[in-house]
Amino acid sequence: MAAAPLRFINAAAWPLTIWTSLSQLEQHPADDYVERTSPIVATAIAFWLCLIALIVFANPAVTAIGGSIEGGESVVTFIRRTPGSIVGVLWFITPALYIIGLWLFASRDEAFPR
């Protein structure tokens, strides 16, 4: 029974733990293991790319616009810009990729126990 929480933590952290399973591919060259691992690796790469893009695009770019007025004083204005539609799509795609990868990882662990 003590292995069940460890299996859940391993499955929940699948974007990190999938990379250690790549070392076992040569043990199963003609097996279904390789066919089940390749989609998970592709999902993990897509998840990490989307997560990095979400972090980059969700933080608004701050632009400083400056000038001077008649009295010689300088005026600086900060404008924050966020690409809204991209961030909205990434907020949808990133959790969806996580859930798909979790499902793929859990189904592979059931089919090929360690």
PDB file of N, CA and C in Angstrom:
ATOM      1  N   MET A   1       0.805  -1.199   0.000  1.00  0.00           N
ATOM      2  CA  MET A   1       0.000   0.000   0.000  1.00  0.00           C
ATOM      3  C   MET A   1       0.850   1.264   0.000  1.00  0.00           C
ATOM      4  N   ALA A   2       2.062   1.178   0.519  1.00  0.00           N
ATOM      5  CA  ALA A   2       2.920   2.356   0.586  1.00  0.00           C
ATOM      6  C   ALA A   2       3.388   2.796  -0.795  1.00  0.00           C
ATOM      7  N   ALA A   3       3.332   1.908  -1.773  1.00  0.00           N
ATOM      8  CA  ALA A   3       3.781   2.251  -3.120  1.00  0.00           C
ATOM      9  C   ALA A   3       2.766   3.106  -3.867  1.00  0.00           C
ATOM     10  N   ALA A   4       1.512   3.073  -3.456  1.00  0.00           N
ATOM     11  CA  ALA A   4       0.476   3.829  -4.165  1.00  0.00           C
ATOM     12  C   ALA A   4       0.723   5.344  -4.114  1.00  0.00           C
ATOM     13  N   PRO A   5       1.042   5.953  -2.971  1.00  0.00           N
ATOM     14  CA  PRO A   5       1.334   7.389  -2.988  1.00  0.00           C
ATOM     15  C   PRO A   5       2.567   7.726  -3.821  1.00  0.00           C
ATOM     16  N   LEU A   6       3.552   6.842  -3.800  1.00  0.00           N
ATOM     17  CA  LEU A   6       4.749   7.077  -4.598  1.00  0.00           C
ATOM     18  C   LEU A   6       4.437   7.002  -6.090  1.00  0.00           C
ATOM     19  N   ARG A   7       3.591   6.056  -6.481  1.00  0.00           N
ATOM     20  CA  ARG A   7       3.179   5.959  -7.884  1.00  0.00           C
ATOM     21  C   ARG A   7       2.396   7.187  -8.311  1.00  0.00           C
ATOM     22  N   PHE A   8       1.536   7.707  -7.418  1.00  0.00           N
ATOM     23  CA  PHE A   8       0.768   8.906  -7.752  1.00  0.00           C
ATOM     24  C   PHE A   8       1.687  10.116  -7.908  1.00  0.00           C
ATOM     25  N   ILE A   9       2.643  10.267  -7.010  1.00  0.00           N
ATOM     26  CA  ILE A   9       3.581  11.391  -7.108  1.00  0.00           C
ATOM     27  C   ILE A   9       4.410  11.266  -8.381  1.00  0.00           C
ATOM     28  N   ASN A  10       4.813  10.059  -8.700  1.00  0.00           N
ATOM     29  CA  ASN A  10       5.574   9.833  -9.922  1.00  0.00           C
ATOM     30  C   ASN A  10       4.746  10.176 -11.158  1.00  0.00           C
ATOM     31  N   ALA A  11       3.476   9.801 -11.147  1.00  0.00           N
ATOM     32  CA  ALA A  11       2.605  10.114 -12.285  1.00  0.00           C
ATOM     33  C   ALA A  11       2.276  11.602 -12.339  1.00  0.00           C
ATOM     34  N   ALA A  12       2.093  12.239 -11.192  1.00  0.00           N
ATOM     35  CA  ALA A  12       1.763  13.669 -11.184  1.00  0.00           C
ATOM     36  C   ALA A  12       2.942  14.514 -11.650  1.00  0.00           C
ATOM     37  N   ALA A  13       4.140  14.030 -11.427  1.00  0.00           N
ATOM     38  CA  ALA A  13       5.337  14.760 -11.858  1.00  0.00           C
ATOM     39  C   ALA A  13       5.858  14.204 -13.182  1.00  0.00           C
ATOM     40  N   TRP A  14       4.970  13.734 -14.026  1.00  0.00           N
ATOM     41  CA  TRP A  14       5.372  13.090 -15.267  1.00  0.00           C
ATOM     42  C   TRP A  14       6.219  13.971 -16.176  1.00  0.00           C
ATOM     43  N   PRO A  15       6.051  15.299 -16.224  1.00  0.00           N
ATOM     44  CA  PRO A  15       6.929  16.068 -17.118  1.00  0.00           C
ATOM     45  C   PRO A  15       8.404  15.976 -16.717  1.00  0.00           C
ATOM     46  N   LEU A  16       8.665  15.682 -15.454  1.00  0.00           N
ATOM     47  CA  LEU A  16      10.047  15.520 -14.999  1.00  0.00           C
ATOM     48  C   LEU A  16      10.489  14.065 -15.018  1.00  0.00           C
ATOM     49  N   THR A  17       9.614  13.154 -14.592  1.00  0.00           N
ATOM     50  CA  THR A  17      10.004  11.752 -14.452  1.00  0.00           C
ATOM     51  C   THR A  17      10.046  10.991 -15.770  1.00  0.00           C
ATOM     52  N   ILE A  18       9.475  11.530 -16.823  1.00  0.00           N
ATOM     53  CA  ILE A  18       9.488  10.833 -18.108  1.00  0.00           C
ATOM     54  C   ILE A  18      10.906  10.722 -18.652  1.00  0.00           C
ATOM     55  N   TRP A  19      11.752  11.665 -18.333  1.00  0.00           N
ATOM     56  CA  TRP A  19      13.105  11.663 -18.888  1.00  0.00           C
ATOM     57  C   TRP A  19      13.941  10.504 -18.345  1.00  0.00           C
ATOM     58  N   THR A  20      13.660  10.060 -17.120  1.00  0.00           N
ATOM     59  CA  THR A  20      14.407   8.918 -16.581  1.00  0.00           C
ATOM     60  C   THR A  20      13.995   7.614 -17.250  1.00  0.00           C
ATOM     61  N   SER A  21      12.782   7.547 -17.771  1.00  0.00           N
ATOM     62  CA  SER A  21      12.342   6.314 -18.427  1.00  0.00           C
ATOM     63  C   SER A  21      12.987   6.144 -19.800  1.00  0.00           C
ATOM     64  N   LEU A  22      13.578   7.187 -20.343  1.00  0.00           N
ATOM     65  CA  LEU A  22      14.239   7.062 -21.637  1.00  0.00           C
ATOM     66  C   LEU A  22      15.481   6.182 -21.553  1.00  0.00           C
ATOM     67  N   SER A  23      16.033   6.036 -20.364  1.00  0.00           N
ATOM     68  CA  SER A  23      17.204   5.174 -20.207  1.00  0.00           C
ATOM     69  C   SER A  23      16.838   3.702 -20.314  1.00  0.00           C
ATOM     70  N   GLN A  24      15.559   3.370 -20.273  1.00  0.00           N
ATOM     71  CA  GLN A  24      15.125   1.978 -20.337  1.00  0.00           C
ATOM     72  C   GLN A  24      14.701   1.546 -21.741  1.00  0.00           C
ATOM     73  N   LEU A  25      14.844   2.406 -22.729  1.00  0.00           N
ATOM     74  CA  LEU A  25      14.370   2.065 -24.075  1.00  0.00           C
ATOM     75  C   LEU A  25      15.138   0.898 -24.684  1.00  0.00           C
ATOM     76  N   GLU A  26      16.436   0.799 -24.446  1.00  0.00           N
ATOM     77  CA  GLU A  26      17.208  -0.292 -25.036  1.00  0.00           C
ATOM     78  C   GLU A  26      16.844  -1.643 -24.427  1.00  0.00           C
ATOM     79  N   GLN A  27      16.210  -1.655 -23.275  1.00  0.00           N
ATOM     80  CA  GLN A  27      15.771  -2.906 -22.666  1.00  0.00           C
ATOM     81  C   GLN A  27      14.514  -3.453 -23.350  1.00  0.00           C
ATOM     82  N   HIS A  28      13.802  -2.613 -24.071  1.00  0.00           N
ATOM     83  CA  HIS A  28      12.548  -3.007 -24.714  1.00  0.00           C
ATOM     84  C   HIS A  28      12.555  -2.597 -26.190  1.00  0.00           C
ATOM     85  N   PRO A  29      13.524  -3.032 -26.990  1.00  0.00           N
ATOM     86  CA  PRO A  29      13.612  -2.530 -28.357  1.00  0.00           C
ATOM     87  C   PRO A  29      12.455  -2.948 -29.260  1.00  0.00           C
ATOM     88  N   ALA A  30      11.965  -4.165 -29.146  1.00  0.00           N
ATOM     89  CA  ALA A  30      10.886  -4.609 -30.022  1.00  0.00           C
ATOM     90  C   ALA A  30       9.562  -4.654 -29.281  1.00  0.00           C
ATOM     91  N   ASP A  31       9.476  -3.918 -28.238  1.00  0.00           N
ATOM     92  CA  ASP A  31       8.330  -3.986 -27.341  1.00  0.00           C
ATOM     93  C   ASP A  31       7.368  -2.841 -27.615  1.00  0.00           C
ATOM     94  N   ASP A  32       6.216  -2.942 -27.046  1.00  0.00           N
ATOM     95  CA  ASP A  32       5.225  -1.877 -27.124  1.00  0.00           C
ATOM     96  C   ASP A  32       5.628  -0.691 -26.250  1.00  0.00           C
ATOM     97  N   TYR A  33       6.613  -0.889 -25.386  1.00  0.00           N
ATOM     98  CA  TYR A  33       7.083   0.160 -24.471  1.00  0.00           C
ATOM     99  C   TYR A  33       7.557   1.384 -25.234  1.00  0.00           C
ATOM    100  N   VAL A  34       8.300   1.162 -26.323  1.00  0.00           N
ATOM    101  CA  VAL A  34       8.820   2.272 -27.120  1.00  0.00           C
ATOM    102  C   VAL A  34       7.676   3.031 -27.779  1.00  0.00           C
ATOM    103  N   GLU A  35       6.687   2.295 -28.278  1.00  0.00           N
ATOM    104  CA  GLU A  35       5.554   2.942 -28.926  1.00  0.00           C
ATOM    105  C   GLU A  35       4.726   3.752 -27.938  1.00  0.00           C
ATOM    106  N   ARG A  36       4.707   3.351 -26.694  1.00  0.00           N
ATOM    107  CA  ARG A  36       3.946   4.087 -25.691  1.00  0.00           C
ATOM    108  C   ARG A  36       4.750   5.236 -25.092  1.00  0.00           C
ATOM    109  N   THR A  37       6.075   5.169 -25.172  1.00  0.00           N
ATOM    110  CA  THR A  37       6.906   6.218 -24.593  1.00  0.00           C
ATOM    111  C   THR A  37       7.054   7.403 -25.540  1.00  0.00           C
ATOM    112  N   SER A  38       7.122   7.172 -26.825  1.00  0.00           N
ATOM    113  CA  SER A  38       7.318   8.262 -27.794  1.00  0.00           C
ATOM    114  C   SER A  38       6.234   9.340 -27.713  1.00  0.00           C
ATOM    115  N   PRO A  39       4.943   9.005 -27.634  1.00  0.00           N
ATOM    116  CA  PRO A  39       3.935  10.061 -27.502  1.00  0.00           C
ATOM    117  C   PRO A  39       4.057  10.844 -26.191  1.00  0.00           C
ATOM    118  N   ILE A  40       4.501  10.173 -25.134  1.00  0.00           N
ATOM    119  CA  ILE A  40       4.659  10.874 -23.859  1.00  0.00           C
ATOM    120  C   ILE A  40       5.816  11.863 -23.945  1.00  0.00           C
ATOM    121  N   VAL A  41       6.897  11.471 -24.602  1.00  0.00           N
ATOM    122  CA  VAL A  41       8.035  12.379 -24.767  1.00  0.00           C
ATOM    123  C   VAL A  41       7.627  13.587 -25.608  1.00  0.00           C
ATOM    124  N   ALA A  42       6.879  13.347 -26.674  1.00  0.00           N
ATOM    125  CA  ALA A  42       6.410  14.463 -27.506  1.00  0.00           C
ATOM    126  C   ALA A  42       5.479  15.382 -26.708  1.00  0.00           C
ATOM    127  N   THR A  43       4.630  14.797 -25.883  1.00  0.00           N
ATOM    128  CA  THR A  43       3.736  15.603 -25.050  1.00  0.00           C
ATOM    129  C   THR A  43       4.527  16.380 -24.011  1.00  0.00           C
ATOM    130  N   ALA A  44       5.572  15.782 -23.455  1.00  0.00           N
ATOM    131  CA  ALA A  44       6.404  16.480 -22.464  1.00  0.00           C
ATOM    132  C   ALA A  44       7.132  17.662 -23.095  1.00  0.00           C
ATOM    133  N   ILE A  45       7.652  17.469 -24.291  1.00  0.00           N
ATOM    134  CA  ILE A  45       8.333  18.577 -24.981  1.00  0.00           C
ATOM    135  C   ILE A  45       7.350  19.696 -25.276  1.00  0.00           C
ATOM    136  N   ALA A  46       6.164  19.350 -25.776  1.00  0.00           N
ATOM    137  CA  ALA A  46       5.145  20.365 -26.054  1.00  0.00           C
ATOM    138  C   ALA A  46       4.702  21.062 -24.773  1.00  0.00           C
ATOM    139  N   PHE A  47       4.562  20.308 -23.677  1.00  0.00           N
ATOM    140  CA  PHE A  47       4.173  20.906 -22.398  1.00  0.00           C
ATOM    141  C   PHE A  47       5.207  21.922 -21.935  1.00  0.00           C
ATOM    142  N   TRP A  48       6.487  21.556 -21.965  1.00  0.00           N
ATOM    143  CA  TRP A  48       7.528  22.479 -21.507  1.00  0.00           C
ATOM    144  C   TRP A  48       7.618  23.711 -22.403  1.00  0.00           C
ATOM    145  N   LEU A  49       7.466  23.540 -23.719  1.00  0.00           N
ATOM    146  CA  LEU A  49       7.480  24.707 -24.616  1.00  0.00           C
ATOM    147  C   LEU A  49       6.311  25.642 -24.325  1.00  0.00           C
ATOM    148  N   CYS A  50       5.130  25.074 -24.118  1.00  0.00           N
ATOM    149  CA  CYS A  50       3.947  25.893 -23.811  1.00  0.00           C
ATOM    150  C   CYS A  50       4.079  26.570 -22.457  1.00  0.00           C
ATOM    151  N   LEU A  51       4.635  25.875 -21.472  1.00  0.00           N
ATOM    152  CA  LEU A  51       4.805  26.467 -20.152  1.00  0.00           C
ATOM    153  C   LEU A  51       5.792  27.627 -20.194  1.00  0.00           C
ATOM    154  N   ILE A  52       6.888  27.458 -20.906  1.00  0.00           N
ATOM    155  CA  ILE A  52       7.869  28.549 -21.039  1.00  0.00           C
ATOM    156  C   ILE A  52       7.254  29.717 -21.794  1.00  0.00           C
ATOM    157  N   ALA A  53       6.525  29.430 -22.874  1.00  0.00           N
ATOM    158  CA  ALA A  53       5.865  30.499 -23.626  1.00  0.00           C
ATOM    159  C   ALA A  53       4.829  31.215 -22.772  1.00  0.00           C
ATOM    160  N   LEU A  54       4.109  30.477 -21.943  1.00  0.00           N
ATOM    161  CA  LEU A  54       3.122  31.087 -21.055  1.00  0.00           C
ATOM    162  C   LEU A  54       3.791  32.007 -20.046  1.00  0.00           C
ATOM    163  N   ILE A  55       4.897  31.572 -19.477  1.00  0.00           N
ATOM    164  CA  ILE A  55       5.619  32.418 -18.526  1.00  0.00           C
ATOM    165  C   ILE A  55       6.132  33.682 -19.202  1.00  0.00           C
ATOM    166  N   VAL A  56       6.650  33.541 -20.409  1.00  0.00           N
ATOM    167  CA  VAL A  56       7.196  34.705 -21.118  1.00  0.00           C
ATOM    168  C   VAL A  56       6.086  35.663 -21.542  1.00  0.00           C
ATOM    169  N   PHE A  57       5.026  35.136 -22.141  1.00  0.00           N
ATOM    170  CA  PHE A  57       3.984  36.003 -22.680  1.00  0.00           C
ATOM    171  C   PHE A  57       3.008  36.526 -21.626  1.00  0.00           C
ATOM    172  N   ALA A  58       2.837  35.818 -20.518  1.00  0.00           N
ATOM    173  CA  ALA A  58       1.899  36.283 -19.492  1.00  0.00           C
ATOM    174  C   ALA A  58       2.449  37.469 -18.717  1.00  0.00           C
ATOM    175  N   ASN A  59       3.761  37.599 -18.672  1.00  0.00           N
ATOM    176  CA  ASN A  59       4.362  38.775 -18.034  1.00  0.00           C
ATOM    177  C   ASN A  59       4.383  39.905 -19.051  1.00  0.00           C
ATOM    178  N   PRO A  60       3.667  40.955 -18.783  1.00  0.00           N
ATOM    179  CA  PRO A  60       3.564  42.024 -19.776  1.00  0.00           C
ATOM    180  C   PRO A  60       4.891  42.734 -20.000  1.00  0.00           C
ATOM    181  N   ALA A  61       5.103  43.100 -21.223  1.00  0.00           N
ATOM    182  CA  ALA A  61       6.290  43.878 -21.561  1.00  0.00           C
ATOM    183  C   ALA A  61       6.043  45.333 -21.148  1.00  0.00           C
ATOM    184  N   VAL A  62       7.004  45.903 -20.478  1.00  0.00           N
ATOM    185  CA  VAL A  62       6.880  47.283 -20.026  1.00  0.00           C
ATOM    186  C   VAL A  62       7.749  48.142 -20.928  1.00  0.00           C
ATOM    187  N   THR A  63       7.123  49.146 -21.513  1.00  0.00           N
ATOM    188  CA  THR A  63       7.825  50.058 -22.398  1.00  0.00           C
ATOM    189  C   THR A  63       7.806  51.446 -21.771  1.00  0.00           C
ATOM    190  N   ALA A  64       8.952  52.078 -21.731  1.00  0.00           N
ATOM    191  CA  ALA A  64       9.042  53.433 -21.199  1.00  0.00           C
ATOM    192  C   ALA A  64       9.084  54.412 -22.361  1.00  0.00           C
ATOM    193  N   ILE A  65       8.168  55.358 -22.311  1.00  0.00           N
ATOM    194  CA  ILE A  65       8.111  56.405 -23.322  1.00  0.00           C
ATOM    195  C   ILE A  65       8.395  57.717 -22.606  1.00  0.00           C
ATOM    196  N   GLY A  66       9.375  58.415 -23.078  1.00  0.00           N
ATOM    197  CA  GLY A  66       9.773  59.647 -22.403  1.00  0.00           C
ATOM    198  C   GLY A  66       9.735  60.844 -23.337  1.00  0.00           C
ATOM    199  N   GLY A  67       9.723  61.992 -22.729  1.00  0.00           N
ATOM    200  CA  GLY A  67       9.730  63.241 -23.472  1.00  0.00           C
ATOM    201  C   GLY A  67       9.949  64.384 -22.495  1.00  0.00           C
ATOM    202  N   SER A  68       9.930  65.560 -23.009  1.00  0.00           N
ATOM    203  CA  SER A  68      10.078  66.724 -22.135  1.00  0.00           C
ATOM    204  C   SER A  68       8.986  67.734 -22.462  1.00  0.00           C
ATOM    205  N   ILE A  69       8.616  68.512 -21.438  1.00  0.00           N
ATOM    206  CA  ILE A  69       7.604  69.539 -21.625  1.00  0.00           C
ATOM    207  C   ILE A  69       8.297  70.894 -21.687  1.00  0.00           C
ATOM    208  N   GLU A  70       7.511  71.938 -21.859  1.00  0.00           N
ATOM    209  CA  GLU A  70       8.065  73.269 -22.096  1.00  0.00           C
ATOM    210  C   GLU A  70       8.973  73.767 -20.983  1.00  0.00           C
ATOM    211  N   GLY A  71       8.705  73.426 -19.768  1.00  0.00           N
ATOM    212  CA  GLY A  71       9.501  73.918 -18.644  1.00  0.00           C
ATOM    213  C   GLY A  71      10.834  73.205 -18.490  1.00  0.00           C
ATOM    214  N   GLY A  72      11.146  72.258 -19.338  1.00  0.00           N
ATOM    215  CA  GLY A  72      12.396  71.535 -19.255  1.00  0.00           C
ATOM    216  C   GLY A  72      12.309  70.277 -18.408  1.00  0.00           C
ATOM    217  N   GLU A  73      11.145  69.996 -17.870  1.00  0.00           N
ATOM    218  CA  GLU A  73      10.989  68.788 -17.065  1.00  0.00           C
ATOM    219  C   GLU A  73      10.756  67.585 -17.985  1.00  0.00           C
ATOM    220  N   SER A  74      11.286  66.464 -17.561  1.00  0.00           N
ATOM    221  CA  SER A  74      11.091  65.261 -18.370  1.00  0.00           C
ATOM    222  C   SER A  74       9.871  64.500 -17.860  1.00  0.00           C
ATOM    223  N   VAL A  75       9.174  63.912 -18.793  1.00  0.00           N
ATOM    224  CA  VAL A  75       7.986  63.127 -18.483  1.00  0.00           C
ATOM    225  C   VAL A  75       8.223  61.706 -19.023  1.00  0.00           C
ATOM    226  N   VAL A  76       8.017  60.733 -18.162  1.00  0.00           N
ATOM    227  CA  VAL A  76       8.188  59.344 -18.556  1.00  0.00           C
ATOM    228  C   VAL A  76       6.890  58.605 -18.259  1.00  0.00           C
ATOM    229  N   THR A  77       6.428  57.846 -19.224  1.00  0.00           N
ATOM    230  CA  THR A  77       5.218  57.058 -19.072  1.00  0.00           C
ATOM    231  C   THR A  77       5.554  55.597 -19.342  1.00  0.00           C
ATOM    232  N   PHE A  78       5.011  54.719 -18.529  1.00  0.00           N
ATOM    233  CA  PHE A  78       5.221  53.295 -18.711  1.00  0.00           C
ATOM    234  C   PHE A  78       3.948  52.666 -19.277  1.00  0.00           C
ATOM    235  N   ILE A  79       4.105  51.886 -20.315  1.00  0.00           N
ATOM    236  CA  ILE A  79       2.977  51.224 -20.964  1.00  0.00           C
ATOM    237  C   ILE A  79       3.216  49.720 -20.860  1.00  0.00           C
ATOM    238  N   ARG A  80       2.200  49.024 -20.356  1.00  0.00           N
ATOM    239  CA  ARG A  80       2.284  47.566 -20.248  1.00  0.00           C
ATOM    240  C   ARG A  80       1.467  46.950 -21.370  1.00  0.00           C
ATOM    241  N   ARG A  81       2.094  46.038 -22.101  1.00  0.00           N
ATOM    242  CA  ARG A  81       1.412  45.393 -23.215  1.00  0.00           C
ATOM    243  C   ARG A  81       1.489  43.879 -23.043  1.00  0.00           C
ATOM    244  N   THR A  82       0.356  43.228 -23.199  1.00  0.00           N
ATOM    245  CA  THR A  82       0.274  41.774 -23.115  1.00  0.00           C
ATOM    246  C   THR A  82      -0.421  41.253 -24.365  1.00  0.00           C
ATOM    247  N   PRO A  83       0.170  40.286 -25.054  1.00  0.00           N
ATOM    248  CA  PRO A  83      -0.534  39.680 -26.189  1.00  0.00           C
ATOM    249  C   PRO A  83      -1.654  38.768 -25.673  1.00  0.00           C
ATOM    250  N   GLY A  84      -2.849  39.318 -25.547  1.00  0.00           N
ATOM    251  CA  GLY A  84      -3.957  38.648 -24.873  1.00  0.00           C
ATOM    252  C   GLY A  84      -4.414  37.345 -25.476  1.00  0.00           C
ATOM    253  N   SER A  85      -4.568  37.271 -26.788  1.00  0.00           N
ATOM    254  CA  SER A  85      -5.101  36.047 -27.386  1.00  0.00           C
ATOM    255  C   SER A  85      -4.114  34.890 -27.270  1.00  0.00           C
ATOM    256  N   ILE A  86      -2.827  35.164 -27.362  1.00  0.00           N
ATOM    257  CA  ILE A  86      -1.825  34.105 -27.228  1.00  0.00           C
ATOM    258  C   ILE A  86      -1.845  33.546 -25.814  1.00  0.00           C
ATOM    259  N   VAL A  87      -1.940  34.425 -24.831  1.00  0.00           N
ATOM    260  CA  VAL A  87      -1.950  33.985 -23.437  1.00  0.00           C
ATOM    261  C   VAL A  87      -3.202  33.159 -23.155  1.00  0.00           C
ATOM    262  N   GLY A  88      -4.331  33.556 -23.702  1.00  0.00           N
ATOM    263  CA  GLY A  88      -5.562  32.797 -23.513  1.00  0.00           C
ATOM    264  C   GLY A  88      -5.468  31.385 -24.077  1.00  0.00           C
ATOM    265  N   VAL A  89      -4.878  31.259 -25.248  1.00  0.00           N
ATOM    266  CA  VAL A  89      -4.704  29.940 -25.854  1.00  0.00           C
ATOM    267  C   VAL A  89      -3.725  29.100 -25.030  1.00  0.00           C
ATOM    268  N   LEU A  90      -2.643  29.706 -24.570  1.00  0.00           N
ATOM    269  CA  LEU A  90      -1.664  28.970 -23.772  1.00  0.00           C
ATOM    270  C   LEU A  90      -2.242  28.532 -22.430  1.00  0.00           C
ATOM    271  N   TRP A  91      -3.134  29.342 -21.842  1.00  0.00           N
ATOM    272  CA  TRP A  91      -3.785  28.943 -20.594  1.00  0.00           C
ATOM    273  C   TRP A  91      -4.697  27.740 -20.815  1.00  0.00           C
ATOM    274  N   PHE A  92      -5.164  27.527 -22.028  1.00  0.00           N
ATOM    275  CA  PHE A  92      -5.984  26.359 -22.345  1.00  0.00           C
ATOM    276  C   PHE A  92      -5.117  25.153 -22.715  1.00  0.00           C
ATOM    277  N   ILE A  93      -4.114  25.363 -23.565  1.00  0.00           N
ATOM    278  CA  ILE A  93      -3.307  24.271 -24.109  1.00  0.00           C
ATOM    279  C   ILE A  93      -2.389  23.645 -23.051  1.00  0.00           C
ATOM    280  N   THR A  94      -1.767  24.456 -22.200  1.00  0.00           N
ATOM    281  CA  THR A  94      -0.798  23.932 -21.236  1.00  0.00           C
ATOM    282  C   THR A  94      -1.432  22.940 -20.257  1.00  0.00           C
ATOM    283  N   PRO A  95      -2.567  23.270 -19.594  1.00  0.00           N
ATOM    284  CA  PRO A  95      -3.185  22.249 -18.732  1.00  0.00           C
ATOM    285  C   PRO A  95      -3.704  21.042 -19.512  1.00  0.00           C
ATOM    286  N   ALA A  96      -4.170  21.268 -20.738  1.00  0.00           N
ATOM    287  CA  ALA A  96      -4.645  20.149 -21.553  1.00  0.00           C
ATOM    288  C   ALA A  96      -3.506  19.183 -21.866  1.00  0.00           C
ATOM    289  N   LEU A  97      -2.336  19.721 -22.194  1.00  0.00           N
ATOM    290  CA  LEU A  97      -1.181  18.863 -22.438  1.00  0.00           C
ATOM    291  C   LEU A  97      -0.756  18.127 -21.175  1.00  0.00           C
ATOM    292  N   TYR A  98      -0.857  18.791 -20.027  1.00  0.00           N
ATOM    293  CA  TYR A  98      -0.515  18.128 -18.764  1.00  0.00           C
ATOM    294  C   TYR A  98      -1.454  16.952 -18.502  1.00  0.00           C
ATOM    295  N   ILE A  99      -2.741  17.147 -18.707  1.00  0.00           N
ATOM    296  CA  ILE A  99      -3.719  16.081 -18.457  1.00  0.00           C
ATOM    297  C   ILE A  99      -3.529  14.931 -19.444  1.00  0.00           C
ATOM    298  N   ILE A 100      -3.271  15.244 -20.709  1.00  0.00           N
ATOM    299  CA  ILE A 100      -3.035  14.202 -21.708  1.00  0.00           C
ATOM    300  C   ILE A 100      -1.779  13.413 -21.350  1.00  0.00           C
ATOM    301  N   GLY A 101      -0.721  14.098 -20.959  1.00  0.00           N
ATOM    302  CA  GLY A 101       0.508  13.410 -20.575  1.00  0.00           C
ATOM    303  C   GLY A 101       0.335  12.562 -19.329  1.00  0.00           C
ATOM    304  N   LEU A 102      -0.438  13.059 -18.366  1.00  0.00           N
ATOM    305  CA  LEU A 102      -0.718  12.284 -17.155  1.00  0.00           C
ATOM    306  C   LEU A 102      -1.462  11.002 -17.500  1.00  0.00           C
ATOM    307  N   TRP A 103      -2.426  11.104 -18.385  1.00  0.00           N
ATOM    308  CA  TRP A 103      -3.177   9.925 -18.816  1.00  0.00           C
ATOM    309  C   TRP A 103      -2.267   8.941 -19.557  1.00  0.00           C
ATOM    310  N   LEU A 104      -1.429   9.443 -20.476  1.00  0.00           N
ATOM    311  CA  LEU A 104      -0.516   8.565 -21.208  1.00  0.00           C
ATOM    312  C   LEU A 104       0.472   7.881 -20.269  1.00  0.00           C
ATOM    313  N   PHE A 105       1.000   8.652 -19.315  1.00  0.00           N
ATOM    314  CA  PHE A 105       1.980   8.109 -18.376  1.00  0.00           C
ATOM    315  C   PHE A 105       1.350   7.049 -17.486  1.00  0.00           C
ATOM    316  N   ALA A 106       0.161   7.326 -16.977  1.00  0.00           N
ATOM    317  CA  ALA A 106      -0.509   6.361 -16.089  1.00  0.00           C
ATOM    318  C   ALA A 106      -0.893   5.098 -16.844  1.00  0.00           C
ATOM    319  N   SER A 107      -1.362   5.224 -18.081  1.00  0.00           N
ATOM    320  CA  SER A 107      -1.729   4.025 -18.845  1.00  0.00           C
ATOM    321  C   SER A 107      -0.513   3.207 -19.213  1.00  0.00           C
ATOM    322  N   ARG A 108       0.615   3.863 -19.467  1.00  0.00           N
ATOM    323  CA  ARG A 108       1.846   3.122 -19.759  1.00  0.00           C
ATOM    324  C   ARG A 108       2.343   2.410 -18.510  1.00  0.00           C
ATOM    325  N   ASP A 109       2.238   3.049 -17.339  1.00  0.00           N
ATOM    326  CA  ASP A 109       2.674   2.407 -16.100  1.00  0.00           C
ATOM    327  C   ASP A 109       1.816   1.209 -15.754  1.00  0.00           C
ATOM    328  N   GLU A 110       0.531   1.247 -16.096  1.00  0.00           N
ATOM    329  CA  GLU A 110      -0.334   0.082 -15.856  1.00  0.00           C
ATOM    330  C   GLU A 110       0.020  -1.058 -16.794  1.00  0.00           C
ATOM    331  N   ALA A 111       0.318  -0.741 -18.034  1.00  0.00           N
ATOM    332  CA  ALA A 111       0.623  -1.782 -19.019  1.00  0.00           C
ATOM    333  C   ALA A 111       2.007  -2.377 -18.805  1.00  0.00           C
ATOM    334  N   PHE A 112       2.962  -1.537 -18.369  1.00  0.00           N
ATOM    335  CA  PHE A 112       4.340  -1.984 -18.186  1.00  0.00           C
ATOM    336  C   PHE A 112       4.802  -1.635 -16.780  1.00  0.00           C
ATOM    337  N   PRO A 113       4.410  -2.403 -15.782  1.00  0.00           N
ATOM    338  CA  PRO A 113       4.865  -2.099 -14.419  1.00  0.00           C
ATOM    339  C   PRO A 113       6.361  -2.312 -14.280  1.00  0.00           C
ATOM    340  N   ARG A 114       6.957  -1.546 -13.386  1.00  0.00           N
ATOM    341  CA  ARG A 114       8.415  -1.647 -13.189  1.00  0.00           C
ATOM    342  C   ARG A 114       8.775  -2.741 -12.247  1.00  0.00           C
TER     343      ARG A 114
END
